PDB file of N, CA and C in Angstrom:
ATOM      1  N   UNK A   1     -22.576  -1.095   3.426  1.00  0.00           N
ATOM      2  CA  UNK A   1     -21.252  -1.150   4.014  1.00  0.00           C
ATOM      3  C   UNK A   1     -21.180  -2.292   5.008  1.00  0.00           C
ATOM      4  N   UNK A   2     -20.057  -2.965   4.991  1.00  0.00           N
ATOM      5  CA  UNK A   2     -19.838  -4.085   5.895  1.00  0.00           C
ATOM      6  C   UNK A   2     -18.612  -3.821   6.747  1.00  0.00           C
ATOM      7  N   UNK A   3     -18.568  -4.386   7.934  1.00  0.00           N
ATOM      8  CA  UNK A   3     -17.386  -4.204   8.785  1.00  0.00           C
ATOM      9  C   UNK A   3     -16.284  -5.186   8.404  1.00  0.00           C
ATOM     10  N   UNK A   4     -15.734  -5.031   7.191  1.00  0.00           N
ATOM     11  CA  UNK A   4     -14.662  -5.895   6.707  1.00  0.00           C
ATOM     12  C   UNK A   4     -13.556  -5.025   6.130  1.00  0.00           C
ATOM     13  N   UNK A   5     -12.322  -5.542   6.140  1.00  0.00           N
ATOM     14  CA  UNK A   5     -11.223  -4.757   5.585  1.00  0.00           C
ATOM     15  C   UNK A   5     -10.906  -5.119   4.143  1.00  0.00           C
ATOM     16  N   UNK A   6     -11.516  -6.184   3.622  1.00  0.00           N
ATOM     17  CA  UNK A   6     -11.325  -6.543   2.215  1.00  0.00           C
ATOM     18  C   UNK A   6     -12.472  -7.441   1.796  1.00  0.00           C
ATOM     19  N   UNK A   7     -12.792  -7.382   0.513  1.00  0.00           N
ATOM     20  CA  UNK A   7     -13.848  -8.229  -0.032  1.00  0.00           C
ATOM     21  C   UNK A   7     -15.049  -7.418  -0.480  1.00  0.00           C
ATOM     22  N   UNK A   8     -15.723  -7.939  -1.483  1.00  0.00           N
ATOM     23  CA  UNK A   8     -16.925  -7.301  -2.017  1.00  0.00           C
ATOM     24  C   UNK A   8     -18.005  -8.358  -2.151  1.00  0.00           C
ATOM     25  N   UNK A   9     -19.171  -8.065  -1.604  1.00  0.00           N
ATOM     26  CA  UNK A   9     -20.363  -8.882  -1.800  1.00  0.00           C
ATOM     27  C   UNK A   9     -21.281  -8.131  -2.752  1.00  0.00           C
ATOM     28  N   UNK A  10     -21.841  -8.846  -3.724  1.00  0.00           N
ATOM     29  CA  UNK A  10     -22.794  -8.203  -4.637  1.00  0.00           C
ATOM     30  C   UNK A  10     -24.095  -8.985  -4.661  1.00  0.00           C
ATOM     31  N   UNK A  11     -25.164  -8.257  -4.905  1.00  0.00           N
ATOM     32  CA  UNK A  11     -26.475  -8.850  -5.140  1.00  0.00           C
ATOM     33  C   UNK A  11     -27.018  -8.192  -6.397  1.00  0.00           C
ATOM     34  N   UNK A  12     -27.354  -9.012  -7.384  1.00  0.00           N
ATOM     35  CA  UNK A  12     -27.807  -8.512  -8.678  1.00  0.00           C
ATOM     36  C   UNK A  12     -29.210  -9.037  -8.936  1.00  0.00           C
ATOM     37  N   UNK A  13     -30.114  -8.140  -9.259  1.00  0.00           N
ATOM     38  CA  UNK A  13     -31.500  -8.506  -9.542  1.00  0.00           C
ATOM     39  C   UNK A  13     -31.765  -8.340 -11.033  1.00  0.00           C
ATOM     40  N   UNK A  14     -32.381  -9.362 -11.639  1.00  0.00           N
ATOM     41  CA  UNK A  14     -32.701  -9.294 -13.061  1.00  0.00           C
ATOM     42  C   UNK A  14     -34.132  -9.786 -13.268  1.00  0.00           C
ATOM     43  N   UNK A  15     -35.001  -8.935 -13.815  1.00  0.00           N
ATOM     44  CA  UNK A  15     -36.370  -9.386 -14.077  1.00  0.00           C
ATOM     45  C   UNK A  15     -36.386 -10.445 -15.183  1.00  0.00           C
ATOM     46  N   UNK A  16     -37.219 -11.447 -15.011  1.00  0.00           N
ATOM     47  CA  UNK A  16     -37.347 -12.518 -15.993  1.00  0.00           C
ATOM     48  C   UNK A  16     -38.740 -12.415 -16.603  1.00  0.00           C
ATOM     49  N   UNK A  17     -38.800 -12.374 -17.921  1.00  0.00           N
ATOM     50  CA  UNK A  17     -40.080 -12.176 -18.607  1.00  0.00           C
ATOM     51  C   UNK A  17     -41.020 -13.365 -18.474  1.00  0.00           C
ATOM     52  N   UNK A  18     -40.516 -14.558 -18.739  1.00  0.00           N
ATOM     53  CA  UNK A  18     -41.369 -15.738 -18.709  1.00  0.00           C
ATOM     54  C   UNK A  18     -40.625 -16.918 -18.130  1.00  0.00           C
ATOM     55  N   UNK A  19     -41.386 -17.936 -17.779  1.00  0.00           N
ATOM     56  CA  UNK A  19     -40.776 -19.194 -17.377  1.00  0.00           C
ATOM     57  C   UNK A  19     -40.686 -19.382 -15.887  1.00  0.00           C
ATOM     58  N   UNK A  20     -40.513 -20.628 -15.540  1.00  0.00           N
ATOM     59  CA  UNK A  20     -40.303 -21.027 -14.158  1.00  0.00           C
ATOM     60  C   UNK A  20     -39.014 -21.832 -14.124  1.00  0.00           C
ATOM     61  N   UNK A  21     -38.194 -21.593 -13.152  1.00  0.00           N
ATOM     62  CA  UNK A  21     -36.900 -22.245 -13.081  1.00  0.00           C
ATOM     63  C   UNK A  21     -36.751 -22.935 -11.742  1.00  0.00           C
ATOM     64  N   UNK A  22     -36.208 -24.142 -11.772  1.00  0.00           N
ATOM     65  CA  UNK A  22     -35.891 -24.801 -10.519  1.00  0.00           C
ATOM     66  C   UNK A  22     -34.507 -24.350 -10.067  1.00  0.00           C
ATOM     67  N   UNK A  23     -34.254 -24.499  -8.799  1.00  0.00           N
ATOM     68  CA  UNK A  23     -32.955 -24.137  -8.253  1.00  0.00           C
ATOM     69  C   UNK A  23     -31.849 -24.933  -8.948  1.00  0.00           C
ATOM     70  N   UNK A  24     -32.068 -26.210  -9.144  1.00  0.00           N
ATOM     71  CA  UNK A  24     -31.056 -27.047  -9.803  1.00  0.00           C
ATOM     72  C   UNK A  24     -30.794 -26.610 -11.233  1.00  0.00           C
ATOM     73  N   UNK A  25     -31.845 -26.225 -11.976  1.00  0.00           N
ATOM     74  CA  UNK A  25     -31.659 -25.754 -13.352  1.00  0.00           C
ATOM     75  C   UNK A  25     -30.801 -24.501 -13.390  1.00  0.00           C
ATOM     76  N   UNK A  26     -31.067 -23.575 -12.488  1.00  0.00           N
ATOM     77  CA  UNK A  26     -30.290 -22.334 -12.447  1.00  0.00           C
ATOM     78  C   UNK A  26     -28.824 -22.621 -12.136  1.00  0.00           C
ATOM     79  N   UNK A  27     -28.586 -23.463 -11.158  1.00  0.00           N
ATOM     80  CA  UNK A  27     -27.211 -23.796 -10.800  1.00  0.00           C
ATOM     81  C   UNK A  27     -26.517 -24.548 -11.933  1.00  0.00           C
ATOM     82  N   UNK A  28     -27.243 -25.423 -12.618  1.00  0.00           N
ATOM     83  CA  UNK A  28     -26.663 -26.154 -13.745  1.00  0.00           C
ATOM     84  C   UNK A  28     -26.259 -25.221 -14.880  1.00  0.00           C
ATOM     85  N   UNK A  29     -27.069 -24.198 -15.137  1.00  0.00           N
ATOM     86  CA  UNK A  29     -26.733 -23.221 -16.178  1.00  0.00           C
ATOM     87  C   UNK A  29     -25.432 -22.506 -15.816  1.00  0.00           C
ATOM     88  N   UNK A  30     -25.300 -22.091 -14.567  1.00  0.00           N
ATOM     89  CA  UNK A  30     -24.065 -21.419 -14.140  1.00  0.00           C
ATOM     90  C   UNK A  30     -22.871 -22.369 -14.193  1.00  0.00           C
ATOM     91  N   UNK A  31     -23.052 -23.586 -13.743  1.00  0.00           N
ATOM     92  CA  UNK A  31     -21.952 -24.561 -13.776  1.00  0.00           C
ATOM     93  C   UNK A  31     -21.474 -24.807 -15.204  1.00  0.00           C
ATOM     94  N   UNK A  32     -22.421 -24.904 -16.130  1.00  0.00           N
ATOM     95  CA  UNK A  32     -22.059 -25.111 -17.535  1.00  0.00           C
ATOM     96  C   UNK A  32     -21.329 -23.887 -18.091  1.00  0.00           C
ATOM     97  N   UNK A  33     -21.834 -22.699 -17.773  1.00  0.00           N
ATOM     98  CA  UNK A  33     -21.233 -21.465 -18.291  1.00  0.00           C
ATOM     99  C   UNK A  33     -19.800 -21.275 -17.787  1.00  0.00           C
ATOM    100  N   UNK A  34     -19.522 -21.700 -16.570  1.00  0.00           N
ATOM    101  CA  UNK A  34     -18.214 -21.472 -15.959  1.00  0.00           C
ATOM    102  C   UNK A  34     -17.392 -22.735 -15.781  1.00  0.00           C
ATOM    103  N   UNK A  35     -17.753 -23.819 -16.468  1.00  0.00           N
ATOM    104  CA  UNK A  35     -17.089 -25.109 -16.261  1.00  0.00           C
ATOM    105  C   UNK A  35     -15.593 -25.081 -16.533  1.00  0.00           C
ATOM    106  N   UNK A  36     -15.135 -24.213 -17.402  1.00  0.00           N
ATOM    107  CA  UNK A  36     -13.712 -24.149 -17.738  1.00  0.00           C
ATOM    108  C   UNK A  36     -12.976 -23.022 -17.026  1.00  0.00           C
ATOM    109  N   UNK A  37     -13.630 -22.372 -16.092  1.00  0.00           N
ATOM    110  CA  UNK A  37     -13.029 -21.248 -15.369  1.00  0.00           C
ATOM    111  C   UNK A  37     -12.547 -21.731 -14.005  1.00  0.00           C
ATOM    112  N   UNK A  38     -11.232 -21.788 -13.806  1.00  0.00           N
ATOM    113  CA  UNK A  38     -10.699 -22.389 -12.581  1.00  0.00           C
ATOM    114  C   UNK A  38     -10.981 -21.613 -11.296  1.00  0.00           C
ATOM    115  N   UNK A  39     -11.342 -20.358 -11.404  1.00  0.00           N
ATOM    116  CA  UNK A  39     -11.522 -19.553 -10.196  1.00  0.00           C
ATOM    117  C   UNK A  39     -12.977 -19.205  -9.901  1.00  0.00           C
ATOM    118  N   UNK A  40     -13.899 -19.798 -10.625  1.00  0.00           N
ATOM    119  CA  UNK A  40     -15.326 -19.550 -10.388  1.00  0.00           C
ATOM    120  C   UNK A  40     -15.901 -20.758  -9.675  1.00  0.00           C
ATOM    121  N   UNK A  41     -16.506 -20.515  -8.513  1.00  0.00           N
ATOM    122  CA  UNK A  41     -17.138 -21.589  -7.756  1.00  0.00           C
ATOM    123  C   UNK A  41     -18.621 -21.255  -7.595  1.00  0.00           C
ATOM    124  N   UNK A  42     -19.464 -22.201  -7.967  1.00  0.00           N
ATOM    125  CA  UNK A  42     -20.901 -22.035  -7.826  1.00  0.00           C
ATOM    126  C   UNK A  42     -21.318 -22.657  -6.502  1.00  0.00           C
ATOM    127  N   UNK A  43     -21.970 -21.870  -5.681  1.00  0.00           N
ATOM    128  CA  UNK A  43     -22.392 -22.313  -4.355  1.00  0.00           C
ATOM    129  C   UNK A  43     -23.785 -22.931  -4.457  1.00  0.00           C
ATOM    130  N   UNK A  44     -23.905 -24.163  -4.016  1.00  0.00           N
ATOM    131  CA  UNK A  44     -25.192 -24.878  -4.055  1.00  0.00           C
ATOM    132  C   UNK A  44     -26.148 -24.357  -2.993  1.00  0.00           C
ATOM    133  N   UNK A  45     -27.429 -24.355  -3.336  1.00  0.00           N
ATOM    134  CA  UNK A  45     -28.495 -24.001  -2.404  1.00  0.00           C
ATOM    135  C   UNK A  45     -28.424 -24.935  -1.204  1.00  0.00           C
ATOM    136  N   UNK A  46     -28.588 -24.476   0.000  1.00  0.00           N
ATOM    137  CA  UNK A  46     -29.051 -23.161   0.424  1.00  0.00           C
ATOM    138  C   UNK A  46     -27.922 -22.181   0.734  1.00  0.00           C
ATOM    139  N   UNK A  47     -26.673 -22.550   0.390  1.00  0.00           N
ATOM    140  CA  UNK A  47     -25.545 -21.696   0.711  1.00  0.00           C
ATOM    141  C   UNK A  47     -25.528 -20.392  -0.065  1.00  0.00           C
ATOM    142  N   UNK A  48     -24.805 -19.427   0.482  1.00  0.00           N
ATOM    143  CA  UNK A  48     -24.591 -18.131  -0.167  1.00  0.00           C
ATOM    144  C   UNK A  48     -23.106 -17.795  -0.079  1.00  0.00           C
ATOM    145  N   UNK A  49     -22.602 -16.980  -0.991  1.00  0.00           N
ATOM    146  CA  UNK A  49     -21.196 -16.573  -0.917  1.00  0.00           C
ATOM    147  C   UNK A  49     -20.885 -15.879   0.400  1.00  0.00           C
ATOM    148  N   UNK A  50     -19.666 -16.095   0.875  1.00  0.00           N
ATOM    149  CA  UNK A  50     -19.208 -15.536   2.141  1.00  0.00           C
ATOM    150  C   UNK A  50     -17.817 -14.953   1.919  1.00  0.00           C
ATOM    151  N   UNK A  51     -17.619 -13.736   2.316  1.00  0.00           N
ATOM    152  CA  UNK A  51     -16.318 -13.079   2.137  1.00  0.00           C
ATOM    153  C   UNK A  51     -15.194 -13.888   2.779  1.00  0.00           C
ATOM    154  N   UNK A  52     -15.463 -14.488   3.921  1.00  0.00           N
ATOM    155  CA  UNK A  52     -14.417 -15.245   4.605  1.00  0.00           C
ATOM    156  C   UNK A  52     -13.932 -16.443   3.800  1.00  0.00           C
ATOM    157  N   UNK A  53     -14.770 -16.980   2.928  1.00  0.00           N
ATOM    158  CA  UNK A  53     -14.404 -18.159   2.145  1.00  0.00           C
ATOM    159  C   UNK A  53     -13.533 -17.834   0.933  1.00  0.00           C
ATOM    160  N   UNK A  54     -13.390 -16.542   0.593  1.00  0.00           N
ATOM    161  CA  UNK A  54     -12.588 -16.164  -0.570  1.00  0.00           C
ATOM    162  C   UNK A  54     -11.430 -15.221  -0.215  1.00  0.00           C
ATOM    163  N   UNK A  55     -11.356 -14.775   1.028  1.00  0.00           N
ATOM    164  CA  UNK A  55     -10.323 -13.822   1.434  1.00  0.00           C
ATOM    165  C   UNK A  55      -8.925 -14.359   1.134  1.00  0.00           C
ATOM    166  N   UNK A  56      -8.136 -13.559   0.448  1.00  0.00           N
ATOM    167  CA  UNK A  56      -6.763 -13.931   0.111  1.00  0.00           C
ATOM    168  C   UNK A  56      -6.660 -14.857  -1.083  1.00  0.00           C
ATOM    169  N   UNK A  57      -7.739 -14.998  -1.844  1.00  0.00           N
ATOM    170  CA  UNK A  57      -7.708 -15.905  -2.997  1.00  0.00           C
ATOM    171  C   UNK A  57      -8.155 -15.188  -4.265  1.00  0.00           C
ATOM    172  N   UNK A  58      -7.998 -15.862  -5.380  1.00  0.00           N
ATOM    173  CA  UNK A  58      -8.423 -15.343  -6.675  1.00  0.00           C
ATOM    174  C   UNK A  58      -9.796 -15.890  -7.073  1.00  0.00           C
ATOM    175  N   UNK A  59     -10.492 -16.504  -6.121  1.00  0.00           N
ATOM    176  CA  UNK A  59     -11.798 -17.102  -6.420  1.00  0.00           C
ATOM    177  C   UNK A  59     -12.929 -16.091  -6.388  1.00  0.00           C
ATOM    178  N   UNK A  60     -13.976 -16.402  -7.151  1.00  0.00           N
ATOM    179  CA  UNK A  60     -15.256 -15.729  -7.021  1.00  0.00           C
ATOM    180  C   UNK A  60     -16.267 -16.821  -6.723  1.00  0.00           C
ATOM    181  N   UNK A  61     -17.059 -16.614  -5.686  1.00  0.00           N
ATOM    182  CA  UNK A  61     -18.130 -17.540  -5.333  1.00  0.00           C
ATOM    183  C   UNK A  61     -19.448 -16.920  -5.775  1.00  0.00           C
ATOM    184  N   UNK A  62     -20.277 -17.716  -6.452  1.00  0.00           N
ATOM    185  CA  UNK A  62     -21.541 -17.234  -7.009  1.00  0.00           C
ATOM    186  C   UNK A  62     -22.674 -18.152  -6.563  1.00  0.00           C
ATOM    187  N   UNK A  63     -23.796 -17.566  -6.212  1.00  0.00           N
ATOM    188  CA  UNK A  63     -25.024 -18.311  -5.924  1.00  0.00           C
ATOM    189  C   UNK A  63     -26.164 -17.655  -6.684  1.00  0.00           C
ATOM    190  N   UNK A  64     -27.195 -18.430  -6.964  1.00  0.00           N
ATOM    191  CA  UNK A  64     -28.333 -17.926  -7.725  1.00  0.00           C
ATOM    192  C   UNK A  64     -29.629 -18.360  -7.044  1.00  0.00           C
ATOM    193  N   UNK A  65     -30.643 -17.521  -7.166  1.00  0.00           N
ATOM    194  CA  UNK A  65     -31.989 -17.834  -6.677  1.00  0.00           C
ATOM    195  C   UNK A  65     -32.995 -17.284  -7.680  1.00  0.00           C
ATOM    196  N   UNK A  66     -34.192 -17.860  -7.672  1.00  0.00           N
ATOM    197  CA  UNK A  66     -35.278 -17.335  -8.487  1.00  0.00           C
ATOM    198  C   UNK A  66     -36.419 -16.990  -7.558  1.00  0.00           C
ATOM    199  N   UNK A  67     -36.789 -15.717  -7.542  1.00  0.00           N
ATOM    200  CA  UNK A  67     -37.919 -15.243  -6.738  1.00  0.00           C
ATOM    201  C   UNK A  67     -39.183 -15.388  -7.570  1.00  0.00           C
ATOM    202  N   UNK A  68     -39.916 -16.474  -7.337  1.00  0.00           N
ATOM    203  CA  UNK A  68     -41.118 -16.755  -8.139  1.00  0.00           C
ATOM    204  C   UNK A  68     -42.182 -15.681  -7.978  1.00  0.00           C
ATOM    205  N   UNK A  69     -42.317 -15.169  -6.790  1.00  0.00           N
ATOM    206  CA  UNK A  69     -43.350 -14.166  -6.507  1.00  0.00           C
ATOM    207  C   UNK A  69     -43.180 -12.920  -7.381  1.00  0.00           C
ATOM    208  N   UNK A  70     -41.947 -12.486  -7.541  1.00  0.00           N
ATOM    209  CA  UNK A  70     -41.666 -11.268  -8.302  1.00  0.00           C
ATOM    210  C   UNK A  70     -41.122 -11.542  -9.698  1.00  0.00           C
ATOM    211  N   UNK A  71     -40.891 -12.801 -10.050  1.00  0.00           N
ATOM    212  CA  UNK A  71     -40.323 -13.123 -11.352  1.00  0.00           C
ATOM    213  C   UNK A  71     -38.940 -12.535 -11.535  1.00  0.00           C
ATOM    214  N   UNK A  72     -38.124 -12.640 -10.485  1.00  0.00           N
ATOM    215  CA  UNK A  72     -36.808 -12.013 -10.500  1.00  0.00           C
ATOM    216  C   UNK A  72     -35.712 -13.045 -10.257  1.00  0.00           C
ATOM    217  N   UNK A  73     -34.703 -12.999 -11.085  1.00  0.00           N
ATOM    218  CA  UNK A  73     -33.501 -13.801 -10.901  1.00  0.00           C
ATOM    219  C   UNK A  73     -32.568 -13.003  -9.999  1.00  0.00           C
ATOM    220  N   UNK A  74     -32.027 -13.644  -8.979  1.00  0.00           N
ATOM    221  CA  UNK A  74     -31.138 -12.960  -8.045  1.00  0.00           C
ATOM    222  C   UNK A  74     -29.803 -13.698  -8.015  1.00  0.00           C
ATOM    223  N   UNK A  75     -28.726 -12.964  -8.308  1.00  0.00           N
ATOM    224  CA  UNK A  75     -27.370 -13.507  -8.273  1.00  0.00           C
ATOM    225  C   UNK A  75     -26.614 -12.875  -7.117  1.00  0.00           C
ATOM    226  N   UNK A  76     -25.844 -13.699  -6.407  1.00  0.00           N
ATOM    227  CA  UNK A  76     -25.017 -13.238  -5.302  1.00  0.00           C
ATOM    228  C   UNK A  76     -23.581 -13.620  -5.625  1.00  0.00           C
ATOM    229  N   UNK A  77     -22.631 -12.752  -5.288  1.00  0.00           N
ATOM    230  CA  UNK A  77     -21.230 -13.107  -5.500  1.00  0.00           C
ATOM    231  C   UNK A  77     -20.361 -12.491  -4.418  1.00  0.00           C
ATOM    232  N   UNK A  78     -19.184 -13.093  -4.249  1.00  0.00           N
ATOM    233  CA  UNK A  78     -18.192 -12.569  -3.308  1.00  0.00           C
ATOM    234  C   UNK A  78     -16.814 -12.703  -3.944  1.00  0.00           C
ATOM    235  N   UNK A  79     -16.026 -11.636  -3.853  1.00  0.00           N
ATOM    236  CA  UNK A  79     -14.631 -11.660  -4.294  1.00  0.00           C
ATOM    237  C   UNK A  79     -13.766 -10.955  -3.256  1.00  0.00           C
ATOM    238  N   UNK A  80     -12.490 -11.283  -3.269  1.00  0.00           N
ATOM    239  CA  UNK A  80     -11.512 -10.517  -2.512  1.00  0.00           C
ATOM    240  C   UNK A  80     -10.966  -9.483  -3.489  1.00  0.00           C
ATOM    241  N   UNK A  81     -11.349  -8.250  -3.315  1.00  0.00           N
ATOM    242  CA  UNK A  81     -10.968  -7.209  -4.264  1.00  0.00           C
ATOM    243  C   UNK A  81      -9.473  -6.908  -4.277  1.00  0.00           C
ATOM    244  N   UNK A  82      -8.732  -7.394  -3.294  1.00  0.00           N
ATOM    245  CA  UNK A  82      -7.286  -7.164  -3.297  1.00  0.00           C
ATOM    246  C   UNK A  82      -6.543  -8.235  -4.074  1.00  0.00           C
ATOM    247  N   UNK A  83      -7.170  -9.371  -4.324  1.00  0.00           N
ATOM    248  CA  UNK A  83      -6.537 -10.418  -5.121  1.00  0.00           C
ATOM    249  C   UNK A  83      -7.290 -10.595  -6.435  1.00  0.00           C
ATOM    250  N   UNK A  84      -8.573 -10.852  -6.376  1.00  0.00           N
ATOM    251  CA  UNK A  84      -9.365 -11.056  -7.593  1.00  0.00           C
ATOM    252  C   UNK A  84      -9.465  -9.760  -8.395  1.00  0.00           C
ATOM    253  N   UNK A  85      -9.164  -8.663  -7.775  1.00  0.00           N
ATOM    254  CA  UNK A  85      -9.184  -7.374  -8.472  1.00  0.00           C
ATOM    255  C   UNK A  85      -8.030  -7.265  -9.454  1.00  0.00           C
ATOM    256  N   UNK A  86      -7.441  -6.117  -9.542  1.00  0.00           N
ATOM    257  CA  UNK A  86      -6.432  -5.846 -10.562  1.00  0.00           C
ATOM    258  C   UNK A  86      -5.190  -6.728 -10.442  1.00  0.00           C
ATOM    259  N   UNK A  87      -4.737  -7.026  -9.236  1.00  0.00           N
ATOM    260  CA  UNK A  87      -3.492  -7.800  -9.106  1.00  0.00           C
ATOM    261  C   UNK A  87      -3.664  -9.232  -9.593  1.00  0.00           C
ATOM    262  N   UNK A  88      -4.726  -9.903  -9.173  1.00  0.00           N
ATOM    263  CA  UNK A  88      -4.976 -11.261  -9.648  1.00  0.00           C
ATOM    264  C   UNK A  88      -5.237 -11.304 -11.141  1.00  0.00           C
ATOM    265  N   UNK A  89      -5.958 -10.309 -11.618  1.00  0.00           N
ATOM    266  CA  UNK A  89      -6.245 -10.227 -13.054  1.00  0.00           C
ATOM    267  C   UNK A  89      -4.948 -10.037 -13.843  1.00  0.00           C
ATOM    268  N   UNK A  90      -4.057  -9.215 -13.328  1.00  0.00           N
ATOM    269  CA  UNK A  90      -2.785  -8.985 -14.019  1.00  0.00           C
ATOM    270  C   UNK A  90      -1.967 -10.275 -14.110  1.00  0.00           C
ATOM    271  N   UNK A  91      -1.908 -11.030 -13.021  1.00  0.00           N
ATOM    272  CA  UNK A  91      -1.165 -12.290 -13.035  1.00  0.00           C
ATOM    273  C   UNK A  91      -1.820 -13.289 -13.985  1.00  0.00           C
ATOM    274  N   UNK A  92      -3.133 -13.394 -13.910  1.00  0.00           N
ATOM    275  CA  UNK A  92      -3.858 -14.319 -14.794  1.00  0.00           C
ATOM    276  C   UNK A  92      -3.638 -13.957 -16.255  1.00  0.00           C
ATOM    277  N   UNK A  93      -3.731 -12.681 -16.594  1.00  0.00           N
ATOM    278  CA  UNK A  93      -3.511 -12.233 -17.976  1.00  0.00           C
ATOM    279  C   UNK A  93      -2.072 -12.457 -18.426  1.00  0.00           C
ATOM    280  N   UNK A  94      -1.114 -12.191 -17.539  1.00  0.00           N
ATOM    281  CA  UNK A  94       0.289 -12.425 -17.877  1.00  0.00           C
ATOM    282  C   UNK A  94       0.529 -13.907 -18.152  1.00  0.00           C
ATOM    283  N   UNK A  95      -0.068 -14.770 -17.334  1.00  0.00           N
ATOM    284  CA  UNK A  95       0.073 -16.216 -17.537  1.00  0.00           C
ATOM    285  C   UNK A  95      -0.437 -16.624 -18.919  1.00  0.00           C
ATOM    286  N   UNK A  96      -1.615 -16.142 -19.273  1.00  0.00           N
ATOM    287  CA  UNK A  96      -2.211 -16.481 -20.564  1.00  0.00           C
ATOM    288  C   UNK A  96      -1.348 -15.955 -21.703  1.00  0.00           C
ATOM    289  N   UNK A  97      -0.932 -14.683 -21.591  1.00  0.00           N
ATOM    290  CA  UNK A  97      -0.117 -14.061 -22.648  1.00  0.00           C
ATOM    291  C   UNK A  97       1.239 -14.744 -22.797  1.00  0.00           C
ATOM    292  N   UNK A  98       1.761 -15.300 -21.703  1.00  0.00           N
ATOM    293  CA  UNK A  98       3.074 -15.941 -21.726  1.00  0.00           C
ATOM    294  C   UNK A  98       3.009 -17.433 -22.023  1.00  0.00           C
ATOM    295  N   UNK A  99       1.803 -17.951 -22.203  1.00  0.00           N
ATOM    296  CA  UNK A  99       1.652 -19.369 -22.518  1.00  0.00           C
ATOM    297  C   UNK A  99       1.682 -20.285 -21.316  1.00  0.00           C
ATOM    298  N   UNK A 100       1.565 -19.724 -20.110  1.00  0.00           N
ATOM    299  CA  UNK A 100       1.512 -20.543 -18.901  1.00  0.00           C
ATOM    300  C   UNK A 100       0.069 -20.928 -18.604  1.00  0.00           C
ATOM    301  N   UNK A 101      -0.086 -21.878 -17.707  1.00  0.00           N
ATOM    302  CA  UNK A 101      -1.422 -22.193 -17.195  1.00  0.00           C
ATOM    303  C   UNK A 101      -1.951 -20.928 -16.517  1.00  0.00           C
ATOM    304  N   UNK A 102      -3.187 -20.536 -16.823  1.00  0.00           N
ATOM    305  CA  UNK A 102      -3.709 -19.268 -16.296  1.00  0.00           C
ATOM    306  C   UNK A 102      -3.790 -19.244 -14.779  1.00  0.00           C
ATOM    307  N   UNK A 103      -3.795 -20.400 -14.135  1.00  0.00           N
ATOM    308  CA  UNK A 103      -3.904 -20.470 -12.677  1.00  0.00           C
ATOM    309  C   UNK A 103      -2.546 -20.435 -11.973  1.00  0.00           C
ATOM    310  N   UNK A 104      -1.466 -20.435 -12.734  1.00  0.00           N
ATOM    311  CA  UNK A 104      -0.120 -20.456 -12.149  1.00  0.00           C
ATOM    312  C   UNK A 104       0.059 -19.304 -11.171  1.00  0.00           C
ATOM    313  N   UNK A 105       0.449 -19.641  -9.938  1.00  0.00           N
ATOM    314  CA  UNK A 105       0.697 -18.630  -8.923  1.00  0.00           C
ATOM    315  C   UNK A 105      -0.558 -18.091  -8.253  1.00  0.00           C
ATOM    316  N   UNK A 106      -1.715 -18.611  -8.616  1.00  0.00           N
ATOM    317  CA  UNK A 106      -2.972 -18.070  -8.083  1.00  0.00           C
ATOM    318  C   UNK A 106      -3.825 -19.107  -7.357  1.00  0.00           C
ATOM    319  N   UNK A 107      -3.296 -20.265  -7.107  1.00  0.00           N
ATOM    320  CA  UNK A 107      -4.123 -21.334  -6.564  1.00  0.00           C
ATOM    321  C   UNK A 107      -4.009 -21.511  -5.042  1.00  0.00           C
ATOM    322  N   UNK A 108      -3.410 -20.556  -4.381  1.00  0.00           N
ATOM    323  CA  UNK A 108      -3.314 -20.670  -2.937  1.00  0.00           C
ATOM    324  C   UNK A 108      -4.725 -20.696  -2.334  1.00  0.00           C
ATOM    325  N   UNK A 109      -4.904 -21.453  -1.257  1.00  0.00           N
ATOM    326  CA  UNK A 109      -6.231 -21.520  -0.651  1.00  0.00           C
ATOM    327  C   UNK A 109      -6.587 -20.185   0.016  1.00  0.00           C
ATOM    328  N   UNK A 110      -7.879 -19.933   0.176  1.00  0.00           N
ATOM    329  CA  UNK A 110      -8.290 -18.710   0.876  1.00  0.00           C
ATOM    330  C   UNK A 110      -7.734 -18.662   2.304  1.00  0.00           C
ATOM    331  N   UNK A 111      -7.638 -17.453   2.851  1.00  0.00           N
ATOM    332  CA  UNK A 111      -7.143 -17.245   4.206  1.00  0.00           C
ATOM    333  C   UNK A 111      -8.301 -17.314   5.194  1.00  0.00           C
ATOM    334  N   UNK A 112      -8.680 -18.507   5.584  1.00  0.00           N
ATOM    335  CA  UNK A 112      -9.829 -18.643   6.478  1.00  0.00           C
ATOM    336  C   UNK A 112      -9.371 -19.235   7.775  1.00  0.00           C
ATOM    337  N   UNK A 113      -9.698 -18.745   8.905  1.00  0.00           N
ATOM    338  CA  UNK A 113     -10.647 -17.676   9.218  1.00  0.00           C
ATOM    339  C   UNK A 113     -10.022 -16.339   9.169  1.00  0.00           C
TER     340      UNK A 113
END
């Protein structure tokens, strides 16, 4: 639990069977996977997602790390659950279904601070 009135931070752990990954390789994989997604931002090392950087926006900020000692991939993300949640998703889906740019009406900057 965090002392915030909106936003969700997640930490996801995934065991990796084999291989060694550099920080740049991991970030490049995410950048390639999300290159066409206007609301996904990959945070470069050493940064981590911050709720304040996405509050009031439809963005998701993602960071990745590889724990060599434990062979674990760790993903971090932050969203504003009041915008990126159902309401932002509804607008984005309506835009796509109606033939509009999917980002229409959703590109306002985050409310920082």
